[in-house]
């Protein structure tokens, strides 16, 4: 029980503030990068939907033929 109290007594407020600031900066940068990644993924998903739609509209496409669908998988 005395161990956590000893650690808290030895910690300096400036060290705690520095660690909190570094964690906050790291979190904010990571959040921005994840937002960019989410935007890219949604764009990629939309591009894949467009390609799939174009392929289905083509009459010679193998995707329309259900017997060929098993071979394509």
C-alpha atoms as a PDB file:
ATOM      1  CA  UNK A   1       0.000   0.000   0.000  1.00  0.00           C
ATOM      2  CA  UNK A   2       2.927   2.323   0.658  1.00  0.00           C
ATOM      3  CA  UNK A   3       4.452   1.664  -2.763  1.00  0.00           C
ATOM      4  CA  UNK A   4       1.988   3.805  -4.817  1.00  0.00           C
ATOM      5  CA  UNK A   5       2.241   6.616  -2.266  1.00  0.00           C
ATOM      6  CA  UNK A   6       6.057   6.558  -2.484  1.00  0.00           C
ATOM      7  CA  UNK A   7       5.911   6.738  -6.283  1.00  0.00           C
ATOM      8  CA  UNK A   8       3.474   9.663  -6.191  1.00  0.00           C
ATOM      9  CA  UNK A   9       5.700  11.515  -3.741  1.00  0.00           C
ATOM     10  CA  UNK A  10       8.736  11.088  -6.006  1.00  0.00           C
ATOM     11  CA  UNK A  11       6.941  12.242  -9.181  1.00  0.00           C
ATOM     12  CA  UNK A  12       7.512  15.802 -10.186  1.00  0.00           C
ATOM     13  CA  UNK A  13       4.591  17.890 -11.452  1.00  0.00           C
ATOM     14  CA  UNK A  14       6.704  19.074 -14.402  1.00  0.00           C
ATOM     15  CA  UNK A  15       7.360  15.489 -15.470  1.00  0.00           C
ATOM     16  CA  UNK A  16       3.648  14.699 -15.286  1.00  0.00           C
ATOM     17  CA  UNK A  17       2.795  17.766 -17.361  1.00  0.00           C
ATOM     18  CA  UNK A  18       5.461  16.881 -19.928  1.00  0.00           C
ATOM     19  CA  UNK A  19       4.181  13.301 -20.235  1.00  0.00           C
ATOM     20  CA  UNK A  20       0.573  14.477 -20.514  1.00  0.00           C
ATOM     21  CA  UNK A  21       1.531  16.977 -23.216  1.00  0.00           C
ATOM     22  CA  UNK A  22       3.418  14.364 -25.218  1.00  0.00           C
ATOM     23  CA  UNK A  23       0.503  11.940 -24.990  1.00  0.00           C
ATOM     24  CA  UNK A  24      -1.954  14.631 -26.076  1.00  0.00           C
ATOM     25  CA  UNK A  25       0.205  15.587 -29.085  1.00  0.00           C
ATOM     26  CA  UNK A  26       0.619  11.941 -30.062  1.00  0.00           C
ATOM     27  CA  UNK A  27      -3.118  11.322 -29.764  1.00  0.00           C
ATOM     28  CA  UNK A  28      -4.059  14.374 -31.838  1.00  0.00           C
ATOM     29  CA  UNK A  29      -1.611  13.458 -34.613  1.00  0.00           C
ATOM     30  CA  UNK A  30      -2.823   9.861 -34.611  1.00  0.00           C
ATOM     31  CA  UNK A  31      -6.438  11.032 -34.813  1.00  0.00           C
ATOM     32  CA  UNK A  32      -5.643  13.207 -37.853  1.00  0.00           C
ATOM     33  CA  UNK A  33      -3.872  10.331 -39.586  1.00  0.00           C
ATOM     34  CA  UNK A  34      -6.792   7.986 -38.912  1.00  0.00           C
ATOM     35  CA  UNK A  35      -9.205  10.542 -40.383  1.00  0.00           C
ATOM     36  CA  UNK A  36      -7.078  10.721 -43.541  1.00  0.00           C
ATOM     37  CA  UNK A  37      -6.997   6.929 -43.735  1.00  0.00           C
ATOM     38  CA  UNK A  38     -10.769   6.752 -43.323  1.00  0.00           C
ATOM     39  CA  UNK A  39     -11.186   9.255 -46.174  1.00  0.00           C
ATOM     40  CA  UNK A  40      -8.900   7.199 -48.415  1.00  0.00           C
ATOM     41  CA  UNK A  41     -10.723   3.985 -47.593  1.00  0.00           C
ATOM     42  CA  UNK A  42     -14.119   5.479 -48.378  1.00  0.00           C
ATOM     43  CA  UNK A  43     -12.763   6.811 -51.684  1.00  0.00           C
ATOM     44  CA  UNK A  44     -11.340   3.389 -52.502  1.00  0.00           C
ATOM     45  CA  UNK A  45     -14.651   1.763 -51.639  1.00  0.00           C
ATOM     46  CA  UNK A  46     -16.499   4.161 -53.947  1.00  0.00           C
ATOM     47  CA  UNK A  47     -13.997   3.463 -56.737  1.00  0.00           C
ATOM     48  CA  UNK A  48     -14.506  -0.273 -56.329  1.00  0.00           C
ATOM     49  CA  UNK A  49     -18.289   0.159 -56.506  1.00  0.00           C
ATOM     50  CA  UNK A  50     -17.900   2.158 -59.722  1.00  0.00           C
ATOM     51  CA  UNK A  51     -15.692  -0.503 -61.296  1.00  0.00           C
ATOM     52  CA  UNK A  52     -18.067  -3.246 -60.246  1.00  0.00           C
ATOM     53  CA  UNK A  53     -21.012  -1.348 -61.729  1.00  0.00           C
ATOM     54  CA  UNK A  54     -19.217  -0.781 -65.035  1.00  0.00           C
ATOM     55  CA  UNK A  55     -18.279  -4.442 -65.245  1.00  0.00           C
ATOM     56  CA  UNK A  56     -21.837  -5.539 -64.614  1.00  0.00           C
ATOM     57  CA  UNK A  57     -23.144  -3.214 -67.319  1.00  0.00           C
ATOM     58  CA  UNK A  58     -20.900  -4.796 -69.934  1.00  0.00           C
ATOM     59  CA  UNK A  59     -22.642  -7.629 -71.702  1.00  0.00           C
ATOM     60  CA  UNK A  60     -19.509  -9.667 -72.251  1.00  0.00           C
ATOM     61  CA  UNK A  61     -18.486  -9.601 -68.609  1.00  0.00           C
ATOM     62  CA  UNK A  62     -18.081 -12.915 -66.774  1.00  0.00           C
ATOM     63  CA  UNK A  63     -19.646 -11.487 -63.636  1.00  0.00           C
ATOM     64  CA  UNK A  64     -23.121 -11.570 -65.211  1.00  0.00           C
ATOM     65  CA  UNK A  65     -22.825 -15.237 -66.094  1.00  0.00           C
ATOM     66  CA  UNK A  66     -23.655 -17.150 -62.912  1.00  0.00           C
ATOM     67  CA  UNK A  67     -22.008 -20.318 -64.167  1.00  0.00           C
ATOM     68  CA  UNK A  68     -18.758 -18.433 -64.678  1.00  0.00           C
ATOM     69  CA  UNK A  69     -19.040 -16.775 -61.261  1.00  0.00           C
ATOM     70  CA  UNK A  70     -17.955 -19.967 -59.505  1.00  0.00           C
ATOM     71  CA  UNK A  71     -14.937 -20.253 -61.795  1.00  0.00           C
ATOM     72  CA  UNK A  72     -13.970 -16.633 -61.086  1.00  0.00           C
ATOM     73  CA  UNK A  73     -14.054 -17.218 -57.326  1.00  0.00           C
END
